[in-house]
Amino acid sequence: MSDKQNGNPLNGRLMDSLGQIFDGVADFSDGPKPCEITGSGTISLKSYQGKYLSAVGNGGLEWNRDWEREWEQFRVEHHGEDKIALKSYHGMYLSVKDGGETVRCDEREALKSAIWRVEAAGAGIALKSCFGKYLRPNKDGSVAAIRGEVTKEETFTVNWINKEKK
């Protein structure tokens, strides 16, 4: 039975990871496409392992939480069409250090090192640093930005805690 016959309202159209409907199949042949995080508000980031990113009070980060309380929440600030900064509950920004490999949450301002490009990645998103490396959780719960390509480790979902209306 076709979609038209069974009353499916999509009629052969597909839905992307953000719930937007498009016709056909996404073309990723020329690299990752920007993925828009629309609106402002507070989000949490959940890894492929089912763990949440947490900003601990000393500027450190851990990607090992089973919950999304205050330390696992980040305020989205837009810095261009596909770029964001993430501000922690402690008022500090998620940023890269040491040429891009170390990730901390200890910057008071959204400098270049705290701006991340949002890209579509499978059923979720990936965040690319100004050094061209992607944010990822390590197996031990630490956080890094060491790969220049997206694998399942660099893919995560965004959960809106508090989405503000425009």
N, C-alpha and C. Protein backbone atom coordinates (compact mmCIF):
# COMPACT_ATOMS: atom_id res chain seq x y z
N MET A 1 0.85 -1.18 0.00
CA MET A 1 0.00 0.00 0.00
C MET A 1 0.90 1.24 0.00
N SER A 2 0.62 2.22 -0.83
CA SER A 2 1.43 3.43 -0.91
C SER A 2 1.08 4.37 0.23
N ASP A 3 1.97 5.38 0.44
CA ASP A 3 1.71 6.39 1.47
C ASP A 3 0.41 7.12 1.21
N LYS A 4 0.13 7.36 -0.08
CA LYS A 4 -1.08 8.08 -0.44
C LYS A 4 -2.32 7.26 -0.09
N GLN A 5 -2.24 5.95 -0.34
CA GLN A 5 -3.38 5.08 -0.08
C GLN A 5 -3.64 4.89 1.40
N ASN A 6 -2.57 4.80 2.23
CA ASN A 6 -2.78 4.55 3.65
C ASN A 6 -2.97 5.84 4.46
N GLY A 7 -3.03 6.96 3.78
CA GLY A 7 -3.31 8.23 4.45
C GLY A 7 -2.11 8.87 5.13
N ASN A 8 -0.90 8.44 4.83
CA ASN A 8 0.29 9.03 5.43
C ASN A 8 0.42 10.47 4.94
N PRO A 9 0.44 11.45 5.85
CA PRO A 9 0.49 12.86 5.44
C PRO A 9 1.83 13.27 4.83
N LEU A 10 2.89 12.47 5.01
CA LEU A 10 4.18 12.84 4.45
C LEU A 10 4.27 12.54 2.97
N ASN A 11 3.46 11.57 2.48
CA ASN A 11 3.45 11.23 1.06
C ASN A 11 4.85 11.09 0.48
N GLY A 12 5.70 10.26 1.11
CA GLY A 12 7.02 10.00 0.57
C GLY A 12 8.07 11.02 0.96
N ARG A 13 7.72 12.04 1.70
CA ARG A 13 8.72 13.01 2.13
C ARG A 13 9.38 12.49 3.40
N LEU A 14 10.59 12.98 3.68
CA LEU A 14 11.36 12.55 4.84
C LEU A 14 11.40 13.64 5.89
N MET A 15 11.66 13.23 7.13
CA MET A 15 11.79 14.19 8.22
C MET A 15 13.23 14.16 8.72
N ASP A 16 13.88 15.32 8.84
CA ASP A 16 15.26 15.34 9.32
C ASP A 16 15.30 15.32 10.85
N SER A 17 16.52 15.39 11.41
CA SER A 17 16.69 15.26 12.86
C SER A 17 16.08 16.40 13.65
N LEU A 18 15.79 17.51 13.02
CA LEU A 18 15.17 18.64 13.71
C LEU A 18 13.66 18.66 13.50
N GLY A 19 13.12 17.65 12.84
CA GLY A 19 11.68 17.58 12.62
C GLY A 19 11.21 18.37 11.41
N GLN A 20 12.14 18.85 10.59
CA GLN A 20 11.77 19.58 9.40
C GLN A 20 11.53 18.58 8.27
N ILE A 21 10.54 18.83 7.44
CA ILE A 21 10.20 17.93 6.36
C ILE A 21 10.88 18.40 5.08
N PHE A 22 11.48 17.45 4.34
CA PHE A 22 12.07 17.79 3.05
C PHE A 22 11.81 16.64 2.09
N ASP A 23 11.86 16.94 0.81
CA ASP A 23 11.64 15.92 -0.22
C ASP A 23 12.97 15.29 -0.59
N GLY A 24 12.97 14.00 -0.82
CA GLY A 24 14.16 13.30 -1.27
C GLY A 24 15.07 12.89 -0.13
N VAL A 25 16.33 12.67 -0.49
CA VAL A 25 17.33 12.21 0.46
C VAL A 25 18.38 13.30 0.61
N ALA A 26 18.84 13.52 1.85
CA ALA A 26 19.86 14.54 2.09
C ALA A 26 21.14 14.16 1.36
N ASP A 27 21.83 15.13 0.79
CA ASP A 27 23.07 14.90 0.07
C ASP A 27 24.23 15.38 0.94
N PHE A 28 25.05 14.44 1.43
CA PHE A 28 26.21 14.78 2.24
C PHE A 28 27.50 14.53 1.47
N SER A 29 27.43 14.47 0.16
CA SER A 29 28.59 14.12 -0.65
C SER A 29 29.71 15.14 -0.58
N ASP A 30 29.41 16.40 -0.34
CA ASP A 30 30.47 17.40 -0.29
C ASP A 30 30.74 17.86 1.14
N GLY A 31 30.58 16.97 2.12
CA GLY A 31 30.91 17.27 3.51
C GLY A 31 29.67 17.57 4.33
N PRO A 32 29.89 17.74 5.64
CA PRO A 32 28.76 17.99 6.54
C PRO A 32 28.05 19.29 6.20
N LYS A 33 26.77 19.27 6.38
CA LYS A 33 25.95 20.46 6.15
C LYS A 33 25.72 21.18 7.48
N PRO A 34 25.60 22.50 7.45
CA PRO A 34 25.24 23.21 8.68
C PRO A 34 23.89 22.72 9.18
N CYS A 35 23.74 22.71 10.46
CA CYS A 35 22.49 22.27 11.09
C CYS A 35 22.07 23.38 12.04
N GLU A 36 20.97 23.96 11.80
CA GLU A 36 20.54 25.12 12.55
C GLU A 36 19.96 24.74 13.91
N ILE A 37 20.43 25.40 14.96
CA ILE A 37 19.77 25.35 16.26
C ILE A 37 19.01 26.66 16.35
N THR A 38 17.71 26.57 16.18
CA THR A 38 16.90 27.78 16.15
C THR A 38 16.47 28.17 17.55
N GLY A 39 16.33 29.46 17.73
CA GLY A 39 15.86 29.97 19.00
C GLY A 39 16.96 30.05 20.03
N SER A 40 16.61 30.62 21.14
CA SER A 40 17.53 30.75 22.27
C SER A 40 16.93 30.02 23.44
N GLY A 41 17.75 29.76 24.40
CA GLY A 41 17.30 29.09 25.60
C GLY A 41 18.40 28.23 26.18
N THR A 42 18.00 27.24 26.94
CA THR A 42 18.93 26.37 27.64
C THR A 42 18.79 24.95 27.10
N ILE A 43 19.94 24.31 26.86
CA ILE A 43 19.96 22.96 26.31
C ILE A 43 20.86 22.06 27.17
N SER A 44 20.74 20.76 26.91
CA SER A 44 21.72 19.79 27.40
C SER A 44 22.18 19.01 26.19
N LEU A 45 23.38 18.43 26.28
CA LEU A 45 23.96 17.64 25.20
C LEU A 45 24.11 16.20 25.67
N LYS A 46 23.50 15.27 24.94
CA LYS A 46 23.51 13.86 25.29
C LYS A 46 24.33 13.08 24.27
N SER A 47 25.32 12.33 24.75
CA SER A 47 26.21 11.57 23.87
C SER A 47 25.55 10.31 23.35
N TYR A 48 26.21 9.66 22.40
CA TYR A 48 25.72 8.39 21.87
C TYR A 48 25.69 7.32 22.97
N GLN A 49 26.45 7.52 24.05
CA GLN A 49 26.48 6.59 25.17
C GLN A 49 25.31 6.83 26.15
N GLY A 50 24.52 7.89 25.89
CA GLY A 50 23.41 8.20 26.77
C GLY A 50 23.79 9.04 27.97
N LYS A 51 24.97 9.65 27.94
CA LYS A 51 25.46 10.47 29.05
C LYS A 51 25.39 11.95 28.69
N TYR A 52 25.20 12.79 29.72
CA TYR A 52 25.10 14.23 29.52
C TYR A 52 26.42 14.93 29.83
N LEU A 53 26.72 15.99 29.06
CA LEU A 53 27.87 16.84 29.30
C LEU A 53 27.60 17.69 30.53
N SER A 54 28.60 17.77 31.43
CA SER A 54 28.45 18.53 32.67
C SER A 54 29.63 19.49 32.84
N ALA A 55 29.34 20.75 33.17
CA ALA A 55 30.38 21.73 33.49
C ALA A 55 30.52 21.76 35.00
N VAL A 56 31.68 21.30 35.49
CA VAL A 56 31.91 21.30 36.93
C VAL A 56 32.46 22.65 37.34
N GLY A 57 32.31 23.02 38.58
CA GLY A 57 32.61 24.37 39.06
C GLY A 57 34.01 24.88 38.84
N ASN A 58 35.01 24.03 38.65
CA ASN A 58 36.39 24.48 38.50
C ASN A 58 36.80 24.73 37.05
N GLY A 59 35.86 24.75 36.12
CA GLY A 59 36.15 24.96 34.71
C GLY A 59 36.32 23.66 33.94
N GLY A 60 36.29 22.55 34.66
CA GLY A 60 36.41 21.26 34.02
C GLY A 60 35.09 20.81 33.41
N LEU A 61 35.18 19.77 32.60
CA LEU A 61 34.00 19.19 31.96
C LEU A 61 34.04 17.68 32.16
N GLU A 62 32.87 17.11 32.31
CA GLU A 62 32.75 15.66 32.39
C GLU A 62 31.55 15.25 31.55
N TRP A 63 31.72 14.21 30.75
CA TRP A 63 30.62 13.73 29.92
C TRP A 63 30.21 12.35 30.44
N ASN A 64 29.65 12.35 31.67
CA ASN A 64 29.38 11.08 32.33
C ASN A 64 28.12 11.10 33.20
N ARG A 65 27.27 12.09 33.03
CA ARG A 65 26.09 12.20 33.89
C ARG A 65 24.90 11.47 33.28
N ASP A 66 24.10 10.86 34.15
CA ASP A 66 22.87 10.18 33.74
C ASP A 66 21.66 11.11 33.85
N TRP A 67 21.87 12.34 34.24
CA TRP A 67 20.79 13.30 34.47
C TRP A 67 21.14 14.64 33.82
N GLU A 68 20.17 15.56 33.84
CA GLU A 68 20.41 16.90 33.29
C GLU A 68 19.91 17.94 34.30
N ARG A 69 20.73 18.17 35.31
CA ARG A 69 20.47 19.20 36.32
C ARG A 69 21.17 20.49 35.89
N GLU A 70 21.35 21.44 36.81
CA GLU A 70 21.93 22.74 36.45
C GLU A 70 23.30 22.63 35.78
N TRP A 71 24.18 21.78 36.28
CA TRP A 71 25.53 21.70 35.73
C TRP A 71 25.54 21.09 34.33
N GLU A 72 24.48 20.45 33.93
CA GLU A 72 24.38 19.84 32.61
C GLU A 72 23.64 20.74 31.62
N GLN A 73 23.35 21.95 32.01
CA GLN A 73 22.59 22.87 31.17
C GLN A 73 23.49 23.99 30.65
N PHE A 74 23.30 24.32 29.37
CA PHE A 74 24.09 25.36 28.71
C PHE A 74 23.16 26.33 27.98
N ARG A 75 23.44 27.60 28.13
CA ARG A 75 22.67 28.64 27.45
C ARG A 75 23.23 28.82 26.04
N VAL A 76 22.35 28.78 25.04
CA VAL A 76 22.74 28.95 23.64
C VAL A 76 22.83 30.44 23.31
N GLU A 77 23.97 30.85 22.75
CA GLU A 77 24.14 32.21 22.24
C GLU A 77 24.53 32.09 20.77
N HIS A 78 23.81 32.76 19.90
CA HIS A 78 24.06 32.68 18.46
C HIS A 78 25.16 33.66 18.05
N HIS A 79 26.06 33.18 17.20
CA HIS A 79 27.17 33.98 16.68
C HIS A 79 27.26 33.78 15.17
N GLY A 80 26.19 34.06 14.47
CA GLY A 80 26.14 33.85 13.04
C GLY A 80 25.15 32.75 12.72
N GLU A 81 24.98 32.49 11.43
CA GLU A 81 23.95 31.58 10.94
C GLU A 81 24.06 30.17 11.51
N ASP A 82 25.25 29.60 11.56
CA ASP A 82 25.40 28.21 12.01
C ASP A 82 26.41 28.09 13.15
N LYS A 83 26.64 29.17 13.87
CA LYS A 83 27.63 29.16 14.95
C LYS A 83 26.99 29.57 16.28
N ILE A 84 27.41 28.86 17.33
CA ILE A 84 26.88 29.15 18.66
C ILE A 84 28.01 29.16 19.68
N ALA A 85 27.73 29.76 20.83
CA ALA A 85 28.56 29.64 22.02
C ALA A 85 27.65 29.03 23.08
N LEU A 86 28.24 28.25 23.96
CA LEU A 86 27.48 27.60 25.03
C LEU A 86 28.00 28.08 26.37
N LYS A 87 27.12 28.72 27.14
CA LYS A 87 27.47 29.29 28.44
C LYS A 87 26.92 28.39 29.54
N SER A 88 27.79 27.98 30.44
CA SER A 88 27.40 27.05 31.50
C SER A 88 26.60 27.73 32.61
N TYR A 89 26.06 26.92 33.47
CA TYR A 89 25.36 27.38 34.67
C TYR A 89 26.26 28.28 35.51
N HIS A 90 27.58 28.04 35.46
CA HIS A 90 28.55 28.80 36.23
C HIS A 90 28.94 30.12 35.56
N GLY A 91 28.37 30.40 34.37
CA GLY A 91 28.64 31.65 33.68
C GLY A 91 29.88 31.63 32.80
N MET A 92 30.43 30.46 32.56
CA MET A 92 31.64 30.33 31.74
C MET A 92 31.29 29.63 30.42
N TYR A 93 32.14 29.88 29.40
CA TYR A 93 31.89 29.35 28.07
C TYR A 93 32.69 28.08 27.78
N LEU A 94 32.05 27.16 27.06
CA LEU A 94 32.68 25.94 26.58
C LEU A 94 33.67 26.36 25.49
N SER A 95 34.96 26.06 25.67
CA SER A 95 35.97 26.51 24.71
C SER A 95 37.09 25.50 24.57
N VAL A 96 37.87 25.66 23.50
CA VAL A 96 39.00 24.80 23.22
C VAL A 96 40.29 25.49 23.60
N LYS A 97 41.28 24.69 24.02
CA LYS A 97 42.60 25.19 24.44
C LYS A 97 43.67 24.37 23.72
N ASP A 98 44.92 24.72 23.92
CA ASP A 98 46.06 23.93 23.45
C ASP A 98 45.95 23.55 21.97
N GLY A 99 45.64 24.50 21.13
CA GLY A 99 45.53 24.23 19.70
C GLY A 99 44.29 23.43 19.34
N GLY A 100 43.38 23.28 20.28
CA GLY A 100 42.12 22.65 19.98
C GLY A 100 41.86 21.32 20.63
N GLU A 101 42.85 20.70 21.27
CA GLU A 101 42.64 19.36 21.80
C GLU A 101 41.98 19.34 23.18
N THR A 102 42.26 20.31 24.00
CA THR A 102 41.69 20.36 25.34
C THR A 102 40.41 21.20 25.31
N VAL A 103 39.38 20.71 25.95
CA VAL A 103 38.12 21.45 26.03
C VAL A 103 37.86 21.76 27.50
N ARG A 104 37.57 23.02 27.79
CA ARG A 104 37.31 23.48 29.16
C ARG A 104 36.05 24.34 29.15
N CYS A 105 35.64 24.72 30.32
CA CYS A 105 34.50 25.63 30.46
C CYS A 105 34.91 26.70 31.47
N ASP A 106 35.88 27.54 31.03
CA ASP A 106 36.47 28.52 31.95
C ASP A 106 36.70 29.90 31.33
N GLU A 107 36.12 30.15 30.17
CA GLU A 107 36.25 31.47 29.53
C GLU A 107 35.11 32.38 29.98
N ARG A 108 35.43 33.61 30.33
CA ARG A 108 34.41 34.57 30.77
C ARG A 108 33.70 35.25 29.60
N GLU A 109 34.32 35.20 28.41
CA GLU A 109 33.74 35.81 27.22
C GLU A 109 33.68 34.78 26.10
N ALA A 110 32.78 35.02 25.15
CA ALA A 110 32.64 34.13 23.99
C ALA A 110 33.65 34.55 22.93
N LEU A 111 34.93 34.24 23.18
CA LEU A 111 35.99 34.52 22.23
C LEU A 111 35.95 33.50 21.11
N LYS A 112 36.85 33.63 20.13
CA LYS A 112 36.89 32.72 18.98
C LYS A 112 36.94 31.26 19.42
N SER A 113 37.69 30.96 20.48
CA SER A 113 37.85 29.58 20.95
C SER A 113 36.57 29.01 21.56
N ALA A 114 35.58 29.86 21.79
CA ALA A 114 34.30 29.42 22.39
C ALA A 114 33.16 29.36 21.37
N ILE A 115 33.47 29.57 20.10
CA ILE A 115 32.45 29.54 19.06
C ILE A 115 32.51 28.18 18.36
N TRP A 116 31.36 27.53 18.22
CA TRP A 116 31.25 26.19 17.64
C TRP A 116 30.32 26.22 16.44
N ARG A 117 30.73 25.57 15.35
CA ARG A 117 29.87 25.43 14.17
C ARG A 117 28.98 24.21 14.37
N VAL A 118 27.69 24.39 14.20
CA VAL A 118 26.72 23.30 14.36
C VAL A 118 26.54 22.61 13.02
N GLU A 119 26.73 21.28 13.00
CA GLU A 119 26.57 20.51 11.78
C GLU A 119 25.62 19.33 12.01
N ALA A 120 24.88 19.00 10.97
CA ALA A 120 24.03 17.81 11.02
C ALA A 120 24.94 16.59 11.05
N ALA A 121 24.57 15.60 11.87
CA ALA A 121 25.38 14.37 11.97
C ALA A 121 24.46 13.21 12.30
N GLY A 122 24.12 12.44 11.30
CA GLY A 122 23.21 11.32 11.52
C GLY A 122 21.87 11.81 12.05
N ALA A 123 21.43 11.23 13.14
CA ALA A 123 20.16 11.64 13.76
C ALA A 123 20.36 12.77 14.76
N GLY A 124 21.59 13.29 14.88
CA GLY A 124 21.87 14.34 15.85
C GLY A 124 22.67 15.47 15.24
N ILE A 125 23.57 16.02 16.04
CA ILE A 125 24.43 17.11 15.58
C ILE A 125 25.87 16.84 15.99
N ALA A 126 26.77 17.63 15.43
CA ALA A 126 28.17 17.66 15.82
C ALA A 126 28.56 19.13 15.98
N LEU A 127 29.50 19.41 16.88
CA LEU A 127 30.00 20.77 17.08
C LEU A 127 31.47 20.83 16.70
N LYS A 128 31.78 21.71 15.74
CA LYS A 128 33.14 21.84 15.21
C LYS A 128 33.79 23.10 15.78
N SER A 129 34.99 22.95 16.33
CA SER A 129 35.70 24.08 16.94
C SER A 129 36.35 24.95 15.87
N CYS A 130 36.88 26.09 16.29
CA CYS A 130 37.58 26.99 15.38
C CYS A 130 38.86 26.36 14.85
N PHE A 131 39.33 25.28 15.46
CA PHE A 131 40.52 24.56 15.01
C PHE A 131 40.17 23.42 14.06
N GLY A 132 38.88 23.26 13.73
CA GLY A 132 38.46 22.23 12.79
C GLY A 132 38.30 20.85 13.40
N LYS A 133 38.27 20.75 14.72
CA LYS A 133 38.10 19.48 15.42
C LYS A 133 36.72 19.43 16.08
N TYR A 134 36.19 18.23 16.23
CA TYR A 134 34.83 18.06 16.74
C TYR A 134 34.80 17.69 18.22
N LEU A 135 33.85 18.28 18.93
CA LEU A 135 33.62 18.00 20.34
C LEU A 135 33.22 16.54 20.50
N ARG A 136 33.76 15.87 21.55
CA ARG A 136 33.44 14.47 21.76
C ARG A 136 33.68 14.07 23.22
N PRO A 137 32.90 13.08 23.68
CA PRO A 137 33.20 12.49 24.98
C PRO A 137 34.21 11.36 24.80
N ASN A 138 35.13 11.23 25.74
CA ASN A 138 36.02 10.08 25.74
C ASN A 138 35.39 8.99 26.60
N LYS A 139 35.86 7.77 26.45
CA LYS A 139 35.28 6.64 27.19
C LYS A 139 35.38 6.82 28.70
N ASP A 140 36.40 7.56 29.17
CA ASP A 140 36.57 7.77 30.60
C ASP A 140 35.73 8.93 31.14
N GLY A 141 34.91 9.56 30.27
CA GLY A 141 34.06 10.68 30.69
C GLY A 141 34.69 12.04 30.50
N SER A 142 35.97 12.08 30.11
CA SER A 142 36.60 13.37 29.82
C SER A 142 36.09 13.90 28.48
N VAL A 143 36.43 15.14 28.17
CA VAL A 143 35.92 15.80 26.97
C VAL A 143 37.11 16.26 26.13
N ALA A 144 37.01 16.12 24.82
CA ALA A 144 38.09 16.51 23.92
C ALA A 144 37.52 17.03 22.61
N ALA A 145 38.41 17.57 21.79
CA ALA A 145 38.11 17.95 20.41
C ALA A 145 39.35 17.59 19.60
N ILE A 146 39.45 16.30 19.23
CA ILE A 146 40.69 15.81 18.63
C ILE A 146 40.55 15.29 17.20
N ARG A 147 39.34 15.01 16.76
CA ARG A 147 39.16 14.46 15.41
C ARG A 147 38.65 15.52 14.45
N GLY A 148 39.13 15.41 13.22
CA GLY A 148 38.69 16.30 12.16
C GLY A 148 37.57 15.72 11.33
N GLU A 149 37.03 14.58 11.77
CA GLU A 149 35.90 13.95 11.09
C GLU A 149 34.90 13.50 12.14
N VAL A 150 33.67 13.31 11.69
CA VAL A 150 32.60 12.95 12.61
C VAL A 150 32.39 11.44 12.58
N THR A 151 32.45 10.83 13.76
CA THR A 151 32.07 9.43 13.95
C THR A 151 30.95 9.42 14.99
N LYS A 152 30.51 8.27 15.43
CA LYS A 152 29.45 8.23 16.43
C LYS A 152 29.86 8.94 17.72
N GLU A 153 31.15 8.95 18.05
CA GLU A 153 31.62 9.62 19.27
C GLU A 153 31.45 11.13 19.21
N GLU A 154 31.43 11.70 18.03
CA GLU A 154 31.28 13.15 17.88
C GLU A 154 29.84 13.56 17.61
N THR A 155 28.91 12.61 17.69
CA THR A 155 27.50 12.88 17.42
C THR A 155 26.71 12.82 18.71
N PHE A 156 25.86 13.81 18.92
CA PHE A 156 25.02 13.82 20.12
C PHE A 156 23.70 14.52 19.83
N THR A 157 22.78 14.40 20.77
CA THR A 157 21.48 15.03 20.62
C THR A 157 21.37 16.24 21.53
N VAL A 158 20.54 17.17 21.12
CA VAL A 158 20.26 18.38 21.88
C VAL A 158 18.90 18.23 22.53
N ASN A 159 18.86 18.41 23.83
CA ASN A 159 17.59 18.43 24.56
C ASN A 159 17.33 19.85 25.02
N TRP A 160 16.21 20.41 24.62
CA TRP A 160 15.85 21.77 25.05
C TRP A 160 15.27 21.69 26.46
N ILE A 161 15.86 22.41 27.37
CA ILE A 161 15.37 22.51 28.75
C ILE A 161 14.36 23.66 28.83
N ASN A 162 14.75 24.78 28.24
CA ASN A 162 13.94 25.99 28.27
C ASN A 162 14.15 26.73 26.97
N LYS A 163 13.24 26.57 26.04
CA LYS A 163 13.34 27.26 24.75
C LYS A 163 12.52 28.55 24.83
N GLU A 164 13.21 29.66 24.58
CA GLU A 164 12.54 30.96 24.65
C GLU A 164 11.82 31.28 23.36
N LYS A 165 10.69 31.92 23.49
CA LYS A 165 9.94 32.36 22.31
C LYS A 165 10.50 33.70 21.86
N LYS A 166 10.49 33.89 20.53
CA LYS A 166 10.99 35.16 19.98
C LYS A 166 9.98 36.25 20.14
